[in-house]
């Protein structure tokens, strides 16, 4: 869960008129966190406020965040299906490999599965998109797609060029 805090602000009525409460967020620079538990103190510098408003109180004053190093690895995509795949067909993912970030403390997965593919939906079209079903503790690298294209091919038939 995302940590939250109750924030009390002080300022003029005009300043409160410029405040858009849903835009309030407490943020910290976590570019180089210490591994393990980090205790972060909430101050007025962590909150972007319209001019004329200041932080009067915050509860809790500290937020605890666990940080762990992650490493990028390239993993093949494994297509999961709702039905068995006929021997005469092959399923081809595009891309075939994605880069993911894995926690250095965990054993890295060997592949990234897709959400289950309904072959009856793919067969008439020949291809379709499907989302990736990332294992726990794994996330996509910044430039990687959350969905891939799956193409159905008949074995022994080359794709048209």
N, C-alpha and C. Protein backbone atom coordinates (compact mmCIF):
# COMPACT_ATOMS: atom_id res chain seq x y z
N UNK A 1 0.83 -1.19 0.00
CA UNK A 1 0.00 0.00 0.00
C UNK A 1 0.87 1.24 0.00
N UNK A 2 0.34 2.31 -0.53
CA UNK A 2 1.04 3.58 -0.57
C UNK A 2 0.86 4.26 0.77
N UNK A 3 1.96 4.67 1.41
CA UNK A 3 1.83 5.37 2.69
C UNK A 3 1.06 6.68 2.51
N UNK A 4 0.34 7.08 3.53
CA UNK A 4 -0.37 8.35 3.48
C UNK A 4 -0.16 9.10 4.78
N UNK A 5 -0.47 10.40 4.74
CA UNK A 5 -0.32 11.24 5.92
C UNK A 5 -1.44 12.27 5.92
N UNK A 6 -1.84 12.67 7.12
CA UNK A 6 -2.82 13.73 7.29
C UNK A 6 -2.05 15.03 7.38
N UNK A 7 -2.34 15.97 6.47
CA UNK A 7 -1.60 17.22 6.36
C UNK A 7 -2.50 18.38 6.76
N UNK A 8 -2.00 19.25 7.63
CA UNK A 8 -2.71 20.46 8.00
C UNK A 8 -1.94 21.63 7.40
N UNK A 9 -2.66 22.49 6.68
CA UNK A 9 -2.04 23.62 6.00
C UNK A 9 -2.54 24.92 6.61
N UNK A 10 -1.73 25.96 6.49
CA UNK A 10 -2.11 27.30 6.95
C UNK A 10 -1.85 28.27 5.81
N UNK A 11 -2.68 29.31 5.75
CA UNK A 11 -2.50 30.32 4.72
C UNK A 11 -3.75 31.13 4.53
N UNK A 12 -3.71 32.03 3.56
CA UNK A 12 -4.84 32.93 3.30
C UNK A 12 -5.96 32.20 2.57
N UNK A 13 -7.14 32.79 2.63
CA UNK A 13 -8.29 32.22 1.93
C UNK A 13 -8.02 32.18 0.43
N UNK A 14 -7.36 33.21 -0.08
CA UNK A 14 -7.01 33.26 -1.50
C UNK A 14 -6.10 32.10 -1.88
N UNK A 15 -5.10 31.80 -1.04
CA UNK A 15 -4.18 30.70 -1.31
C UNK A 15 -4.92 29.37 -1.31
N UNK A 16 -5.87 29.21 -0.37
CA UNK A 16 -6.65 27.98 -0.35
C UNK A 16 -7.53 27.87 -1.59
N UNK A 17 -7.94 28.99 -2.14
CA UNK A 17 -8.74 28.99 -3.37
C UNK A 17 -7.96 28.43 -4.55
N UNK A 18 -6.64 28.55 -4.53
CA UNK A 18 -5.80 28.02 -5.61
C UNK A 18 -5.40 26.56 -5.38
N UNK A 19 -5.75 26.02 -4.23
CA UNK A 19 -5.36 24.66 -3.88
C UNK A 19 -6.29 23.65 -4.55
N UNK A 20 -5.72 22.67 -5.20
CA UNK A 20 -6.48 21.56 -5.76
C UNK A 20 -6.05 20.32 -4.96
N UNK A 21 -6.85 19.94 -3.97
CA UNK A 21 -6.48 18.89 -3.02
C UNK A 21 -6.03 17.59 -3.68
N UNK A 22 -6.69 17.11 -4.77
CA UNK A 22 -6.21 15.86 -5.38
C UNK A 22 -4.78 15.95 -5.93
N UNK A 23 -4.30 17.17 -6.16
CA UNK A 23 -2.93 17.32 -6.67
C UNK A 23 -1.88 17.27 -5.56
N UNK A 24 -2.32 17.30 -4.29
CA UNK A 24 -1.37 17.25 -3.19
C UNK A 24 -0.69 15.90 -3.14
N UNK A 25 0.61 15.91 -3.05
CA UNK A 25 1.37 14.67 -2.92
C UNK A 25 2.64 14.94 -2.15
N UNK A 26 3.02 13.99 -1.35
CA UNK A 26 4.28 14.06 -0.64
C UNK A 26 5.27 13.26 -1.48
N UNK A 27 6.39 13.85 -1.83
CA UNK A 27 7.36 13.13 -2.66
C UNK A 27 8.76 13.23 -2.07
N UNK A 28 9.53 12.19 -2.32
CA UNK A 28 10.90 12.10 -1.83
C UNK A 28 11.80 11.71 -2.99
N UNK A 29 13.03 12.16 -2.95
CA UNK A 29 14.02 11.74 -3.93
C UNK A 29 14.53 10.37 -3.51
N UNK A 30 14.14 9.35 -4.26
CA UNK A 30 14.56 7.99 -3.94
C UNK A 30 15.52 7.45 -5.00
N UNK A 31 16.26 8.35 -5.64
CA UNK A 31 17.20 7.94 -6.68
C UNK A 31 18.28 7.01 -6.12
N UNK A 32 18.73 7.25 -4.92
CA UNK A 32 19.77 6.43 -4.29
C UNK A 32 19.38 6.05 -2.86
N UNK A 33 18.32 5.27 -2.70
CA UNK A 33 17.92 4.90 -1.34
C UNK A 33 18.89 3.88 -0.74
N UNK A 34 18.92 3.84 0.57
CA UNK A 34 19.67 2.79 1.24
C UNK A 34 18.88 1.49 1.09
N UNK A 35 19.59 0.38 0.94
CA UNK A 35 18.92 -0.91 0.85
C UNK A 35 18.26 -1.21 2.20
N UNK A 36 17.06 -1.75 2.16
CA UNK A 36 16.33 -2.05 3.38
C UNK A 36 15.38 -0.93 3.74
N UNK A 37 15.12 -0.76 5.04
CA UNK A 37 14.13 0.22 5.49
C UNK A 37 14.73 1.63 5.50
N UNK A 38 14.00 2.57 4.91
CA UNK A 38 14.36 3.98 4.91
C UNK A 38 13.28 4.73 5.69
N UNK A 39 13.70 5.57 6.63
CA UNK A 39 12.78 6.41 7.37
C UNK A 39 12.88 7.81 6.79
N UNK A 40 11.76 8.29 6.22
CA UNK A 40 11.73 9.58 5.55
C UNK A 40 10.88 10.55 6.35
N UNK A 41 11.40 11.75 6.59
CA UNK A 41 10.69 12.76 7.37
C UNK A 41 9.94 13.69 6.42
N UNK A 42 8.65 13.87 6.69
CA UNK A 42 7.81 14.74 5.87
C UNK A 42 8.01 16.18 6.33
N UNK A 43 8.37 17.05 5.39
CA UNK A 43 8.53 18.48 5.66
C UNK A 43 7.81 19.26 4.57
N UNK A 44 7.76 20.56 4.72
CA UNK A 44 7.16 21.42 3.70
C UNK A 44 7.88 21.33 2.37
N UNK A 45 9.14 20.91 2.38
CA UNK A 45 9.91 20.77 1.13
C UNK A 45 9.49 19.54 0.34
N UNK A 46 8.81 18.59 0.97
CA UNK A 46 8.37 17.38 0.28
C UNK A 46 7.00 17.54 -0.38
N UNK A 47 6.34 18.68 -0.15
CA UNK A 47 4.99 18.90 -0.67
C UNK A 47 5.00 20.14 -1.54
N UNK A 48 4.47 20.00 -2.74
CA UNK A 48 4.35 21.16 -3.63
C UNK A 48 3.04 21.87 -3.31
N UNK A 49 3.16 23.09 -2.82
CA UNK A 49 1.99 23.86 -2.41
C UNK A 49 1.92 25.16 -3.21
N UNK A 50 0.70 25.67 -3.45
CA UNK A 50 0.58 26.99 -4.06
C UNK A 50 1.21 28.04 -3.14
N UNK A 51 1.69 29.13 -3.73
CA UNK A 51 2.29 30.18 -2.90
C UNK A 51 1.24 30.69 -1.93
N UNK A 52 1.67 31.03 -0.74
CA UNK A 52 0.77 31.52 0.28
C UNK A 52 0.30 30.45 1.24
N UNK A 53 0.60 29.18 0.96
CA UNK A 53 0.25 28.10 1.87
C UNK A 53 1.53 27.52 2.47
N UNK A 54 1.42 27.10 3.71
CA UNK A 54 2.57 26.45 4.36
C UNK A 54 2.07 25.26 5.16
N UNK A 55 2.98 24.35 5.37
CA UNK A 55 2.66 23.16 6.14
C UNK A 55 2.62 23.51 7.62
N UNK A 56 1.49 23.25 8.27
CA UNK A 56 1.34 23.54 9.68
C UNK A 56 1.62 22.30 10.52
N UNK A 57 1.12 21.14 10.04
CA UNK A 57 1.32 19.90 10.79
C UNK A 57 1.16 18.73 9.82
N UNK A 58 1.78 17.63 10.18
CA UNK A 58 1.63 16.41 9.41
C UNK A 58 1.68 15.23 10.37
N UNK A 59 0.81 14.24 10.10
CA UNK A 59 0.76 13.07 10.96
C UNK A 59 0.55 11.83 10.08
N UNK A 60 1.42 10.87 10.08
CA UNK A 60 2.67 10.80 10.83
C UNK A 60 3.74 11.67 10.19
N UNK A 61 4.70 12.05 10.97
CA UNK A 61 5.80 12.90 10.53
C UNK A 61 6.80 12.08 9.70
N UNK A 62 6.86 10.78 9.98
CA UNK A 62 7.81 9.92 9.27
C UNK A 62 7.07 8.85 8.47
N UNK A 63 7.65 8.53 7.32
CA UNK A 63 7.13 7.48 6.46
C UNK A 63 8.25 6.45 6.29
N UNK A 64 7.90 5.18 6.43
CA UNK A 64 8.90 4.12 6.28
C UNK A 64 8.71 3.44 4.92
N UNK A 65 9.82 3.30 4.20
CA UNK A 65 9.80 2.70 2.87
C UNK A 65 10.91 1.67 2.79
N UNK A 66 10.56 0.46 2.36
CA UNK A 66 11.57 -0.57 2.14
C UNK A 66 12.06 -0.48 0.70
N UNK A 67 13.36 -0.43 0.53
CA UNK A 67 13.96 -0.32 -0.80
C UNK A 67 14.90 -1.49 -1.03
N UNK A 68 14.85 -2.01 -2.23
CA UNK A 68 15.73 -3.11 -2.61
C UNK A 68 16.20 -2.88 -4.03
N UNK A 69 17.44 -3.19 -4.28
CA UNK A 69 18.01 -3.02 -5.62
C UNK A 69 17.35 -3.99 -6.58
N UNK A 70 17.13 -3.51 -7.79
CA UNK A 70 16.60 -4.36 -8.84
C UNK A 70 17.58 -4.35 -10.01
N UNK A 71 17.65 -5.45 -10.70
CA UNK A 71 18.54 -5.59 -11.84
C UNK A 71 17.72 -5.89 -13.09
N UNK A 72 18.12 -5.33 -14.22
CA UNK A 72 17.42 -5.65 -15.46
C UNK A 72 17.88 -7.00 -16.01
N UNK A 73 16.93 -7.81 -16.45
CA UNK A 73 17.27 -9.04 -17.15
C UNK A 73 16.31 -9.21 -18.32
N UNK A 74 16.80 -9.85 -19.37
CA UNK A 74 15.97 -10.15 -20.54
C UNK A 74 15.38 -11.54 -20.37
N UNK A 75 14.07 -11.64 -20.52
CA UNK A 75 13.39 -12.93 -20.37
C UNK A 75 12.52 -13.22 -21.58
N UNK A 76 12.45 -14.50 -21.97
CA UNK A 76 11.55 -14.86 -23.07
C UNK A 76 10.10 -14.81 -22.60
N UNK A 77 9.22 -14.59 -23.54
CA UNK A 77 7.79 -14.56 -23.25
C UNK A 77 7.22 -15.96 -23.46
N UNK A 78 6.41 -16.41 -22.51
CA UNK A 78 5.73 -17.70 -22.61
C UNK A 78 4.24 -17.42 -22.79
N UNK A 79 3.69 -17.88 -23.91
CA UNK A 79 2.28 -17.66 -24.20
C UNK A 79 1.45 -18.74 -23.51
N UNK A 80 0.52 -18.30 -22.66
CA UNK A 80 -0.42 -19.23 -22.02
C UNK A 80 -1.73 -19.18 -22.81
N UNK A 81 -2.39 -20.32 -22.93
CA UNK A 81 -3.64 -20.39 -23.70
C UNK A 81 -4.75 -21.00 -22.85
N UNK A 82 -5.99 -20.65 -23.21
CA UNK A 82 -7.15 -21.24 -22.55
C UNK A 82 -7.44 -22.64 -23.08
N UNK A 83 -7.06 -22.89 -24.36
CA UNK A 83 -7.29 -24.19 -24.98
C UNK A 83 -5.94 -24.79 -25.39
N UNK A 84 -5.91 -26.11 -25.56
CA UNK A 84 -4.68 -26.73 -26.08
C UNK A 84 -4.39 -26.21 -27.50
N UNK A 85 -3.11 -26.11 -27.83
CA UNK A 85 -2.71 -25.65 -29.16
C UNK A 85 -2.55 -26.87 -30.06
N UNK A 86 -3.23 -26.87 -31.19
CA UNK A 86 -3.13 -27.99 -32.14
C UNK A 86 -1.69 -28.15 -32.60
N UNK A 87 -1.29 -29.40 -32.86
CA UNK A 87 0.08 -29.67 -33.31
C UNK A 87 0.43 -28.95 -34.61
N UNK A 88 -0.59 -28.63 -35.41
CA UNK A 88 -0.35 -27.97 -36.70
C UNK A 88 -0.13 -26.46 -36.56
N UNK A 89 -0.30 -25.93 -35.34
CA UNK A 89 -0.17 -24.48 -35.13
C UNK A 89 1.00 -24.16 -34.23
N UNK A 90 1.54 -22.97 -34.41
CA UNK A 90 2.54 -22.44 -33.50
C UNK A 90 2.15 -21.00 -33.18
N UNK A 91 2.43 -20.59 -31.95
CA UNK A 91 2.11 -19.23 -31.52
C UNK A 91 3.42 -18.47 -31.40
N UNK A 92 3.46 -17.29 -32.00
CA UNK A 92 4.69 -16.49 -32.01
C UNK A 92 4.43 -15.15 -31.31
N UNK A 93 5.18 -14.89 -30.22
CA UNK A 93 5.03 -13.58 -29.55
C UNK A 93 5.89 -12.52 -30.23
N UNK A 94 5.42 -11.29 -30.22
CA UNK A 94 6.21 -10.17 -30.73
C UNK A 94 6.07 -9.01 -29.77
N UNK A 95 7.10 -8.62 -29.06
CA UNK A 95 8.46 -9.15 -29.13
C UNK A 95 8.55 -10.52 -28.46
N UNK A 96 9.64 -11.22 -28.71
CA UNK A 96 9.85 -12.55 -28.12
C UNK A 96 10.48 -12.46 -26.72
N UNK A 97 11.14 -11.33 -26.46
CA UNK A 97 11.87 -11.13 -25.20
C UNK A 97 11.53 -9.75 -24.66
N UNK A 98 11.37 -9.63 -23.35
CA UNK A 98 11.18 -8.34 -22.70
C UNK A 98 12.23 -8.16 -21.60
N UNK A 99 12.54 -6.91 -21.32
CA UNK A 99 13.45 -6.60 -20.23
C UNK A 99 12.62 -6.26 -19.01
N UNK A 100 12.91 -6.97 -17.92
CA UNK A 100 12.20 -6.74 -16.66
C UNK A 100 13.21 -6.42 -15.57
N UNK A 101 12.71 -5.85 -14.49
CA UNK A 101 13.53 -5.56 -13.32
C UNK A 101 13.15 -6.54 -12.23
N UNK A 102 14.15 -7.20 -11.66
CA UNK A 102 13.90 -8.17 -10.60
C UNK A 102 14.67 -7.79 -9.36
N UNK A 103 14.08 -8.07 -8.22
CA UNK A 103 14.70 -7.81 -6.92
C UNK A 103 15.92 -8.71 -6.78
N UNK A 104 17.05 -8.12 -6.43
CA UNK A 104 18.29 -8.88 -6.30
C UNK A 104 18.21 -9.95 -5.23
N UNK A 105 17.25 -9.84 -4.30
CA UNK A 105 17.14 -10.81 -3.21
C UNK A 105 16.39 -12.06 -3.64
N UNK A 106 15.60 -11.97 -4.70
CA UNK A 106 14.77 -13.09 -5.13
C UNK A 106 15.43 -13.87 -6.25
N UNK A 107 15.01 -15.11 -6.39
CA UNK A 107 15.47 -15.90 -7.54
C UNK A 107 14.74 -15.38 -8.77
N UNK A 108 15.48 -15.10 -9.81
CA UNK A 108 14.90 -14.53 -11.03
C UNK A 108 14.02 -15.56 -11.73
N UNK A 109 12.88 -15.13 -12.28
CA UNK A 109 12.05 -16.05 -13.05
C UNK A 109 12.77 -16.44 -14.35
N UNK A 110 12.30 -17.49 -14.99
CA UNK A 110 12.91 -17.95 -16.24
C UNK A 110 12.19 -17.44 -17.47
N UNK A 111 10.99 -16.90 -17.28
CA UNK A 111 10.20 -16.39 -18.40
C UNK A 111 9.14 -15.43 -17.87
N UNK A 112 8.49 -14.73 -18.80
CA UNK A 112 7.36 -13.86 -18.46
C UNK A 112 6.13 -14.43 -19.15
N UNK A 113 5.14 -14.88 -18.39
CA UNK A 113 3.93 -15.43 -19.02
C UNK A 113 2.99 -14.33 -19.48
N UNK A 114 2.15 -14.68 -20.43
CA UNK A 114 1.08 -13.78 -20.85
C UNK A 114 -0.17 -14.11 -20.04
N UNK A 115 -1.13 -13.22 -20.09
CA UNK A 115 -2.47 -13.57 -19.61
C UNK A 115 -2.96 -14.69 -20.53
N UNK A 116 -3.86 -15.55 -20.07
CA UNK A 116 -4.33 -16.65 -20.93
C UNK A 116 -4.96 -16.11 -22.23
N UNK A 117 -4.54 -16.72 -23.35
CA UNK A 117 -5.01 -16.32 -24.68
C UNK A 117 -6.15 -17.23 -25.10
N UNK A 118 -7.23 -16.64 -25.58
CA UNK A 118 -8.36 -17.40 -26.12
C UNK A 118 -8.08 -17.62 -27.60
N UNK A 119 -7.70 -18.85 -27.96
CA UNK A 119 -7.35 -19.15 -29.35
C UNK A 119 -8.51 -18.94 -30.31
N UNK A 120 -9.74 -19.14 -29.85
CA UNK A 120 -10.89 -18.94 -30.74
C UNK A 120 -10.99 -17.48 -31.17
N UNK A 121 -10.47 -16.58 -30.37
CA UNK A 121 -10.47 -15.15 -30.73
C UNK A 121 -9.32 -14.85 -31.70
N UNK A 122 -8.20 -15.56 -31.57
CA UNK A 122 -7.04 -15.30 -32.41
C UNK A 122 -7.14 -15.93 -33.79
N UNK A 123 -7.70 -17.15 -33.86
CA UNK A 123 -7.67 -17.91 -35.11
C UNK A 123 -8.29 -17.17 -36.30
N UNK A 124 -9.47 -16.55 -36.18
CA UNK A 124 -10.03 -15.87 -37.35
C UNK A 124 -9.15 -14.71 -37.84
N UNK A 125 -8.52 -14.00 -36.94
CA UNK A 125 -7.73 -12.83 -37.29
C UNK A 125 -6.29 -13.18 -37.64
N UNK A 126 -5.78 -14.23 -37.02
CA UNK A 126 -4.39 -14.61 -37.24
C UNK A 126 -3.44 -14.01 -36.22
N UNK A 127 -3.90 -12.93 -35.51
CA UNK A 127 -3.07 -12.34 -34.46
C UNK A 127 -3.94 -11.48 -33.56
N UNK A 128 -3.37 -11.12 -32.43
CA UNK A 128 -4.08 -10.26 -31.48
C UNK A 128 -3.12 -9.84 -30.39
N UNK A 129 -3.57 -8.92 -29.56
CA UNK A 129 -2.72 -8.45 -28.46
C UNK A 129 -3.15 -9.12 -27.17
N UNK A 130 -2.18 -9.28 -26.29
CA UNK A 130 -2.44 -9.88 -24.98
C UNK A 130 -1.51 -9.21 -23.98
N UNK A 131 -1.99 -9.05 -22.75
CA UNK A 131 -1.17 -8.41 -21.73
C UNK A 131 -0.23 -9.44 -21.09
N UNK A 132 0.85 -8.93 -20.53
CA UNK A 132 1.79 -9.77 -19.82
C UNK A 132 1.30 -9.95 -18.39
N UNK A 133 1.57 -11.11 -17.82
CA UNK A 133 1.17 -11.44 -16.45
C UNK A 133 2.45 -11.54 -15.62
N UNK A 134 2.93 -10.40 -15.17
CA UNK A 134 4.22 -10.35 -14.48
C UNK A 134 4.19 -11.10 -13.16
N UNK A 135 5.23 -11.91 -12.91
CA UNK A 135 5.32 -12.61 -11.62
C UNK A 135 5.45 -11.60 -10.48
N UNK A 136 5.11 -11.99 -9.25
CA UNK A 136 5.25 -11.08 -8.10
C UNK A 136 6.69 -10.58 -7.97
N UNK A 137 6.84 -9.31 -7.66
CA UNK A 137 8.17 -8.73 -7.46
C UNK A 137 8.90 -8.38 -8.74
N UNK A 138 8.26 -8.59 -9.88
CA UNK A 138 8.88 -8.29 -11.17
C UNK A 138 8.11 -7.13 -11.80
N UNK A 139 8.85 -6.20 -12.40
CA UNK A 139 8.17 -5.12 -13.14
C UNK A 139 8.90 -4.88 -14.45
N UNK A 140 8.19 -4.31 -15.39
CA UNK A 140 8.76 -4.05 -16.70
C UNK A 140 9.77 -2.91 -16.61
N UNK A 141 10.84 -2.99 -17.40
CA UNK A 141 11.76 -1.87 -17.54
C UNK A 141 10.99 -0.73 -18.21
N UNK A 142 11.50 0.47 -18.08
CA UNK A 142 10.77 1.67 -18.50
C UNK A 142 10.30 1.65 -19.94
N UNK A 143 11.08 1.13 -20.86
CA UNK A 143 10.73 1.21 -22.28
C UNK A 143 10.05 -0.04 -22.82
N UNK A 144 9.60 -0.93 -21.95
CA UNK A 144 9.04 -2.20 -22.39
C UNK A 144 7.52 -2.17 -22.45
N UNK A 145 6.94 -2.90 -23.43
CA UNK A 145 5.48 -2.90 -23.59
C UNK A 145 4.79 -3.77 -22.55
N UNK A 146 3.61 -3.36 -22.12
CA UNK A 146 2.81 -4.15 -21.20
C UNK A 146 1.95 -5.16 -21.93
N UNK A 147 1.83 -4.99 -23.24
CA UNK A 147 1.09 -5.92 -24.09
C UNK A 147 1.99 -6.35 -25.23
N UNK A 148 1.74 -7.55 -25.73
CA UNK A 148 2.49 -8.05 -26.88
C UNK A 148 1.51 -8.51 -27.94
N UNK A 149 2.01 -8.76 -29.15
CA UNK A 149 1.20 -9.32 -30.22
C UNK A 149 1.49 -10.81 -30.31
N UNK A 150 0.45 -11.60 -30.40
CA UNK A 150 0.59 -13.05 -30.58
C UNK A 150 0.05 -13.37 -31.97
N UNK A 151 0.89 -14.04 -32.78
CA UNK A 151 0.49 -14.43 -34.13
C UNK A 151 0.39 -15.94 -34.19
N UNK A 152 -0.70 -16.43 -34.82
CA UNK A 152 -0.91 -17.86 -35.01
C UNK A 152 -0.37 -18.21 -36.40
N UNK A 153 0.52 -19.22 -36.44
CA UNK A 153 1.07 -19.67 -37.73
C UNK A 153 0.86 -21.17 -37.86
N UNK A 154 0.67 -21.60 -39.08
CA UNK A 154 0.61 -23.04 -39.36
C UNK A 154 2.05 -23.53 -39.46
N UNK A 155 2.34 -24.65 -38.81
CA UNK A 155 3.70 -25.21 -38.86
C UNK A 155 4.07 -25.54 -40.30
N UNK A 156 5.31 -25.20 -40.65
CA UNK A 156 5.81 -25.49 -41.99
C UNK A 156 5.45 -24.45 -43.01
N UNK A 157 4.68 -23.41 -42.62
CA UNK A 157 4.30 -22.34 -43.54
C UNK A 157 5.07 -21.09 -43.15
N UNK A 158 5.84 -20.53 -44.08
CA UNK A 158 6.60 -19.31 -43.82
C UNK A 158 5.67 -18.11 -43.84
N UNK A 159 5.96 -17.12 -43.00
CA UNK A 159 5.12 -15.91 -43.01
C UNK A 159 5.27 -15.16 -44.33
N UNK A 160 4.20 -14.54 -44.81
CA UNK A 160 4.24 -13.75 -46.03
C UNK A 160 5.12 -12.54 -45.84
N UNK A 161 5.80 -12.15 -46.88
CA UNK A 161 6.66 -10.96 -46.79
C UNK A 161 6.12 -9.84 -47.59
